[in-house]
């Protein structure tokens, strides 16, 4: 998608502070962090939201979760705890329509649901 901000980050058109990258996914620090540690993890293939997941394109999800655990360990939040969040659709809080996961930690997080 030519107007997708995450696709532009993947292409290097918009700079990011990368935490992890391989052939399938990219992880980078969020520019508007909601916690002391806030990393965004995205697939390099454009998928608009969880609603577009299929048997054929969903394999990256397990890869994202395994990588999130590695990132949490590298950033020193694996033992204290962290949260992985995916928002789906406008009412679910999704603001960038390229599926992505937020890795949040570095403080005690609110446990109340909105």
N, C-alpha and C. Protein backbone atom coordinates (compact mmCIF):
# COMPACT_ATOMS: atom_id res chain seq x y z
N UNK A 1 0.85 -1.19 0.00
CA UNK A 1 0.00 0.00 0.00
C UNK A 1 0.89 1.24 0.00
N UNK A 2 0.74 2.08 -0.97
CA UNK A 2 1.63 3.22 -1.10
C UNK A 2 1.40 4.31 -0.06
N UNK A 3 0.22 4.39 0.55
CA UNK A 3 -0.03 5.42 1.55
C UNK A 3 0.05 4.90 2.99
N UNK A 4 0.43 3.64 3.17
CA UNK A 4 0.51 3.03 4.50
C UNK A 4 1.82 3.43 5.18
N UNK A 5 1.73 4.06 6.34
CA UNK A 5 2.92 4.53 7.04
C UNK A 5 3.84 3.37 7.42
N UNK A 6 3.27 2.21 7.81
CA UNK A 6 4.12 1.08 8.17
C UNK A 6 4.81 0.49 6.94
N UNK A 7 4.13 0.48 5.80
CA UNK A 7 4.78 0.02 4.57
C UNK A 7 5.94 0.95 4.21
N UNK A 8 5.77 2.25 4.45
CA UNK A 8 6.85 3.21 4.18
C UNK A 8 8.02 2.99 5.14
N UNK A 9 7.74 2.64 6.38
CA UNK A 9 8.80 2.32 7.34
C UNK A 9 9.54 1.07 6.89
N UNK A 10 8.82 0.05 6.46
CA UNK A 10 9.44 -1.18 5.96
C UNK A 10 10.36 -0.88 4.79
N UNK A 11 9.93 -0.01 3.87
CA UNK A 11 10.73 0.33 2.69
C UNK A 11 11.89 1.27 3.01
N UNK A 12 11.93 1.81 4.22
CA UNK A 12 12.99 2.74 4.59
C UNK A 12 12.70 4.17 4.19
N UNK A 13 11.48 4.45 3.73
CA UNK A 13 11.11 5.80 3.33
C UNK A 13 10.87 6.70 4.53
N UNK A 14 10.51 6.11 5.65
CA UNK A 14 10.33 6.82 6.91
C UNK A 14 11.27 6.16 7.91
N UNK A 15 12.10 6.95 8.60
CA UNK A 15 13.04 6.34 9.54
C UNK A 15 12.33 5.76 10.77
N UNK A 16 12.95 4.76 11.35
CA UNK A 16 12.45 4.18 12.59
C UNK A 16 13.65 3.73 13.43
N UNK A 17 13.41 3.60 14.71
CA UNK A 17 14.44 3.10 15.62
C UNK A 17 14.20 1.60 15.77
N UNK A 18 14.85 0.83 14.89
CA UNK A 18 14.63 -0.61 14.80
C UNK A 18 15.14 -1.33 16.04
N UNK A 19 14.35 -2.32 16.44
CA UNK A 19 14.71 -3.21 17.55
C UNK A 19 15.05 -4.58 16.99
N UNK A 20 14.34 -4.98 15.93
CA UNK A 20 14.51 -6.31 15.34
C UNK A 20 14.02 -6.26 13.89
N UNK A 21 14.69 -7.05 13.04
CA UNK A 21 14.23 -7.17 11.66
C UNK A 21 14.71 -8.49 11.10
N UNK A 22 13.83 -9.15 10.35
CA UNK A 22 14.21 -10.31 9.56
C UNK A 22 13.41 -10.26 8.25
N UNK A 23 13.36 -11.34 7.52
CA UNK A 23 12.68 -11.34 6.22
C UNK A 23 11.17 -11.16 6.33
N UNK A 24 10.58 -11.51 7.48
CA UNK A 24 9.13 -11.51 7.62
C UNK A 24 8.55 -10.38 8.46
N UNK A 25 9.30 -9.92 9.47
CA UNK A 25 8.76 -8.93 10.39
C UNK A 25 9.77 -7.83 10.71
N UNK A 26 9.24 -6.74 11.24
CA UNK A 26 10.06 -5.60 11.67
C UNK A 26 9.52 -5.13 13.02
N UNK A 27 10.42 -4.82 13.93
CA UNK A 27 10.03 -4.27 15.24
C UNK A 27 10.79 -2.97 15.45
N UNK A 28 10.08 -1.96 15.97
CA UNK A 28 10.70 -0.65 16.18
C UNK A 28 10.03 0.05 17.35
N UNK A 29 10.74 1.02 17.92
CA UNK A 29 10.19 1.80 19.03
C UNK A 29 9.08 2.71 18.53
N UNK A 30 7.97 2.74 19.29
CA UNK A 30 6.84 3.60 18.95
C UNK A 30 7.24 5.06 19.13
N UNK A 31 6.80 5.93 18.23
CA UNK A 31 7.15 7.36 18.34
C UNK A 31 6.32 8.09 19.38
N UNK A 32 5.23 7.48 19.81
CA UNK A 32 4.39 8.06 20.87
C UNK A 32 4.15 6.99 21.95
N UNK A 33 5.19 6.69 22.71
CA UNK A 33 5.09 5.55 23.64
C UNK A 33 4.04 5.74 24.73
N UNK A 34 3.34 4.63 25.01
CA UNK A 34 2.32 4.59 26.05
C UNK A 34 2.86 3.94 27.33
N UNK A 35 4.12 3.53 27.31
CA UNK A 35 4.79 2.91 28.45
C UNK A 35 6.28 3.18 28.28
N UNK A 36 7.07 3.01 29.34
CA UNK A 36 8.51 3.24 29.20
C UNK A 36 9.13 2.42 28.06
N UNK A 37 8.64 1.21 27.85
CA UNK A 37 9.06 0.41 26.70
C UNK A 37 7.82 0.18 25.86
N UNK A 38 7.89 0.62 24.60
CA UNK A 38 6.75 0.47 23.68
C UNK A 38 7.32 0.19 22.29
N UNK A 39 7.25 -1.06 21.91
CA UNK A 39 7.76 -1.51 20.62
C UNK A 39 6.59 -1.94 19.76
N UNK A 40 6.63 -1.57 18.49
CA UNK A 40 5.61 -1.98 17.53
C UNK A 40 6.23 -3.09 16.67
N UNK A 41 5.48 -4.18 16.50
CA UNK A 41 5.95 -5.31 15.70
C UNK A 41 4.97 -5.51 14.55
N UNK A 42 5.50 -5.52 13.33
CA UNK A 42 4.65 -5.61 12.14
C UNK A 42 5.16 -6.67 11.17
N UNK A 43 4.24 -7.27 10.42
CA UNK A 43 4.68 -8.13 9.32
C UNK A 43 5.10 -7.24 8.15
N UNK A 44 6.02 -7.72 7.36
CA UNK A 44 6.43 -6.95 6.20
C UNK A 44 5.41 -7.03 5.06
N UNK A 45 4.55 -8.01 5.11
CA UNK A 45 3.46 -8.12 4.13
C UNK A 45 2.30 -7.27 4.65
N UNK A 46 1.74 -6.46 3.78
CA UNK A 46 0.62 -5.61 4.20
C UNK A 46 -0.64 -6.46 4.37
N UNK A 47 -1.14 -6.46 5.59
CA UNK A 47 -2.43 -7.05 5.94
C UNK A 47 -3.12 -5.96 6.76
N UNK A 48 -4.29 -5.53 6.37
CA UNK A 48 -4.91 -4.37 7.00
C UNK A 48 -5.24 -4.57 8.47
N UNK A 49 -5.78 -5.72 8.83
CA UNK A 49 -6.18 -5.95 10.23
C UNK A 49 -6.32 -7.44 10.48
N UNK A 50 -6.62 -7.80 11.72
CA UNK A 50 -6.86 -9.20 12.06
C UNK A 50 -8.02 -9.78 11.26
N UNK A 51 -8.92 -8.94 10.79
CA UNK A 51 -10.04 -9.41 9.98
C UNK A 51 -9.59 -10.00 8.64
N UNK A 52 -8.40 -9.68 8.20
CA UNK A 52 -7.89 -10.18 6.92
C UNK A 52 -6.99 -11.40 7.08
N UNK A 53 -6.89 -11.94 8.29
CA UNK A 53 -6.05 -13.12 8.49
C UNK A 53 -6.71 -14.34 7.87
N UNK A 54 -5.87 -15.17 7.25
CA UNK A 54 -6.33 -16.41 6.64
C UNK A 54 -5.35 -17.51 7.02
N UNK A 55 -5.70 -18.73 6.70
CA UNK A 55 -4.78 -19.85 6.94
C UNK A 55 -3.46 -19.62 6.19
N UNK A 56 -3.52 -18.97 5.04
CA UNK A 56 -2.34 -18.77 4.21
C UNK A 56 -1.42 -17.66 4.73
N UNK A 57 -1.96 -16.63 5.39
CA UNK A 57 -1.11 -15.50 5.78
C UNK A 57 -0.90 -15.36 7.29
N UNK A 58 -1.44 -16.27 8.08
CA UNK A 58 -1.40 -16.10 9.54
C UNK A 58 -0.15 -16.66 10.21
N UNK A 59 0.73 -17.30 9.47
CA UNK A 59 1.90 -17.93 10.10
C UNK A 59 2.82 -16.93 10.79
N UNK A 60 2.79 -15.68 10.36
CA UNK A 60 3.67 -14.70 10.98
C UNK A 60 3.28 -14.40 12.43
N UNK A 61 2.04 -14.68 12.82
CA UNK A 61 1.60 -14.35 14.19
C UNK A 61 2.43 -15.09 15.22
N UNK A 62 2.64 -16.38 15.04
CA UNK A 62 3.47 -17.11 16.01
C UNK A 62 4.89 -16.58 15.99
N UNK A 63 5.38 -16.21 14.83
CA UNK A 63 6.72 -15.63 14.72
C UNK A 63 6.80 -14.31 15.49
N UNK A 64 5.76 -13.50 15.39
CA UNK A 64 5.73 -12.23 16.12
C UNK A 64 5.75 -12.48 17.63
N UNK A 65 4.97 -13.44 18.11
CA UNK A 65 4.93 -13.71 19.54
C UNK A 65 6.26 -14.27 20.06
N UNK A 66 6.88 -15.16 19.31
CA UNK A 66 8.19 -15.69 19.71
C UNK A 66 9.21 -14.57 19.73
N UNK A 67 9.18 -13.72 18.73
CA UNK A 67 10.11 -12.59 18.65
C UNK A 67 9.84 -11.58 19.76
N UNK A 68 8.58 -11.34 20.08
CA UNK A 68 8.23 -10.41 21.17
C UNK A 68 8.84 -10.89 22.48
N UNK A 69 8.80 -12.18 22.74
CA UNK A 69 9.40 -12.71 23.97
C UNK A 69 10.92 -12.48 23.97
N UNK A 70 11.55 -12.65 22.83
CA UNK A 70 13.00 -12.39 22.73
C UNK A 70 13.31 -10.91 22.95
N UNK A 71 12.51 -10.04 22.36
CA UNK A 71 12.69 -8.60 22.52
C UNK A 71 12.49 -8.21 23.99
N UNK A 72 11.46 -8.76 24.62
CA UNK A 72 11.20 -8.48 26.04
C UNK A 72 12.40 -8.87 26.89
N UNK A 73 13.00 -10.00 26.59
CA UNK A 73 14.19 -10.45 27.33
C UNK A 73 15.35 -9.48 27.10
N UNK A 74 15.57 -9.12 25.83
CA UNK A 74 16.66 -8.19 25.51
C UNK A 74 16.48 -6.83 26.19
N UNK A 75 15.23 -6.39 26.33
CA UNK A 75 14.95 -5.09 26.94
C UNK A 75 14.77 -5.17 28.45
N UNK A 76 14.90 -6.37 29.00
CA UNK A 76 14.88 -6.55 30.45
C UNK A 76 13.51 -6.50 31.10
N UNK A 77 12.46 -6.81 30.34
CA UNK A 77 11.11 -6.80 30.93
C UNK A 77 10.47 -8.18 30.95
N UNK A 78 11.24 -9.20 30.58
CA UNK A 78 10.66 -10.54 30.51
C UNK A 78 10.24 -11.07 31.87
N UNK A 79 10.98 -10.76 32.91
CA UNK A 79 10.64 -11.29 34.23
C UNK A 79 9.61 -10.42 34.96
N UNK A 80 9.68 -9.11 34.78
CA UNK A 80 8.71 -8.23 35.46
C UNK A 80 7.35 -8.26 34.78
N UNK A 81 7.33 -8.52 33.49
CA UNK A 81 6.08 -8.64 32.76
C UNK A 81 5.90 -7.59 31.69
N UNK A 82 5.07 -7.93 30.74
CA UNK A 82 4.79 -7.04 29.61
C UNK A 82 3.45 -7.42 29.01
N UNK A 83 2.99 -6.60 28.10
CA UNK A 83 1.71 -6.83 27.43
C UNK A 83 1.94 -6.78 25.92
N UNK A 84 1.22 -7.65 25.21
CA UNK A 84 1.21 -7.63 23.74
C UNK A 84 -0.22 -7.32 23.34
N UNK A 85 -0.40 -6.25 22.55
CA UNK A 85 -1.74 -5.78 22.19
C UNK A 85 -1.88 -5.69 20.68
N UNK A 86 -3.04 -6.12 20.19
CA UNK A 86 -3.41 -5.91 18.80
C UNK A 86 -4.80 -5.28 18.79
N UNK A 87 -4.92 -4.13 18.16
CA UNK A 87 -6.22 -3.46 18.03
C UNK A 87 -6.76 -3.76 16.64
N UNK A 88 -8.07 -4.02 16.56
CA UNK A 88 -8.68 -4.35 15.27
C UNK A 88 -9.86 -3.42 15.01
N UNK A 89 -9.76 -2.65 13.94
CA UNK A 89 -10.83 -1.74 13.54
C UNK A 89 -10.84 -0.46 14.35
N UNK A 90 -11.53 0.52 13.82
CA UNK A 90 -11.57 1.86 14.43
C UNK A 90 -12.11 1.82 15.86
N UNK A 91 -13.20 1.10 16.09
CA UNK A 91 -13.76 1.04 17.44
C UNK A 91 -12.88 0.24 18.39
N UNK A 92 -12.01 -0.61 17.84
CA UNK A 92 -11.07 -1.36 18.66
C UNK A 92 -9.79 -0.60 18.95
N UNK A 93 -9.68 0.62 18.42
CA UNK A 93 -8.52 1.46 18.67
C UNK A 93 -7.44 1.40 17.62
N UNK A 94 -7.70 0.72 16.51
CA UNK A 94 -6.69 0.65 15.44
C UNK A 94 -6.64 1.98 14.71
N UNK A 95 -5.44 2.58 14.65
CA UNK A 95 -5.28 3.85 13.96
C UNK A 95 -4.45 3.73 12.69
N UNK A 96 -3.63 2.71 12.59
CA UNK A 96 -2.87 2.43 11.37
C UNK A 96 -3.39 1.09 10.85
N UNK A 97 -3.89 1.10 9.63
CA UNK A 97 -4.54 -0.09 9.10
C UNK A 97 -3.54 -0.97 8.33
N UNK A 98 -2.56 -1.42 9.09
CA UNK A 98 -1.57 -2.44 8.74
C UNK A 98 -1.45 -3.21 10.04
N UNK A 99 -1.81 -4.48 10.04
CA UNK A 99 -1.84 -5.23 11.30
C UNK A 99 -0.52 -5.05 12.05
N UNK A 100 -0.62 -4.82 13.35
CA UNK A 100 0.57 -4.61 14.16
C UNK A 100 0.28 -4.96 15.61
N UNK A 101 1.35 -5.20 16.33
CA UNK A 101 1.27 -5.60 17.71
C UNK A 101 2.13 -4.66 18.54
N UNK A 102 1.59 -4.24 19.69
CA UNK A 102 2.32 -3.37 20.60
C UNK A 102 2.89 -4.22 21.73
N UNK A 103 4.18 -4.09 21.97
CA UNK A 103 4.84 -4.72 23.11
C UNK A 103 5.07 -3.60 24.13
N UNK A 104 4.39 -3.70 25.27
CA UNK A 104 4.42 -2.64 26.29
C UNK A 104 4.96 -3.17 27.60
N UNK A 105 5.80 -2.39 28.25
CA UNK A 105 6.33 -2.80 29.55
C UNK A 105 7.19 -1.72 30.16
N UNK A 106 7.88 -2.10 31.22
CA UNK A 106 8.76 -1.16 31.89
C UNK A 106 8.12 -0.46 33.08
N UNK A 107 6.85 -0.81 33.36
CA UNK A 107 6.14 -0.29 34.53
C UNK A 107 4.94 -1.20 34.77
N UNK A 108 4.30 -1.07 35.92
CA UNK A 108 3.08 -1.82 36.18
C UNK A 108 1.98 -1.22 35.31
N UNK A 109 1.41 -2.04 34.47
CA UNK A 109 0.40 -1.59 33.51
C UNK A 109 -1.00 -1.69 34.11
N UNK A 110 -1.86 -0.79 33.72
CA UNK A 110 -3.25 -0.79 34.13
C UNK A 110 -3.91 -2.09 33.70
N UNK A 111 -4.64 -2.74 34.60
CA UNK A 111 -5.29 -3.98 34.25
C UNK A 111 -6.78 -3.83 33.95
N UNK A 112 -7.28 -2.61 34.02
CA UNK A 112 -8.70 -2.37 33.72
C UNK A 112 -8.91 -2.33 32.21
N UNK A 113 -10.01 -2.92 31.77
CA UNK A 113 -10.35 -2.85 30.35
C UNK A 113 -11.13 -1.58 30.09
N UNK A 114 -10.95 -1.03 28.91
CA UNK A 114 -11.65 0.21 28.55
C UNK A 114 -13.13 0.01 28.46
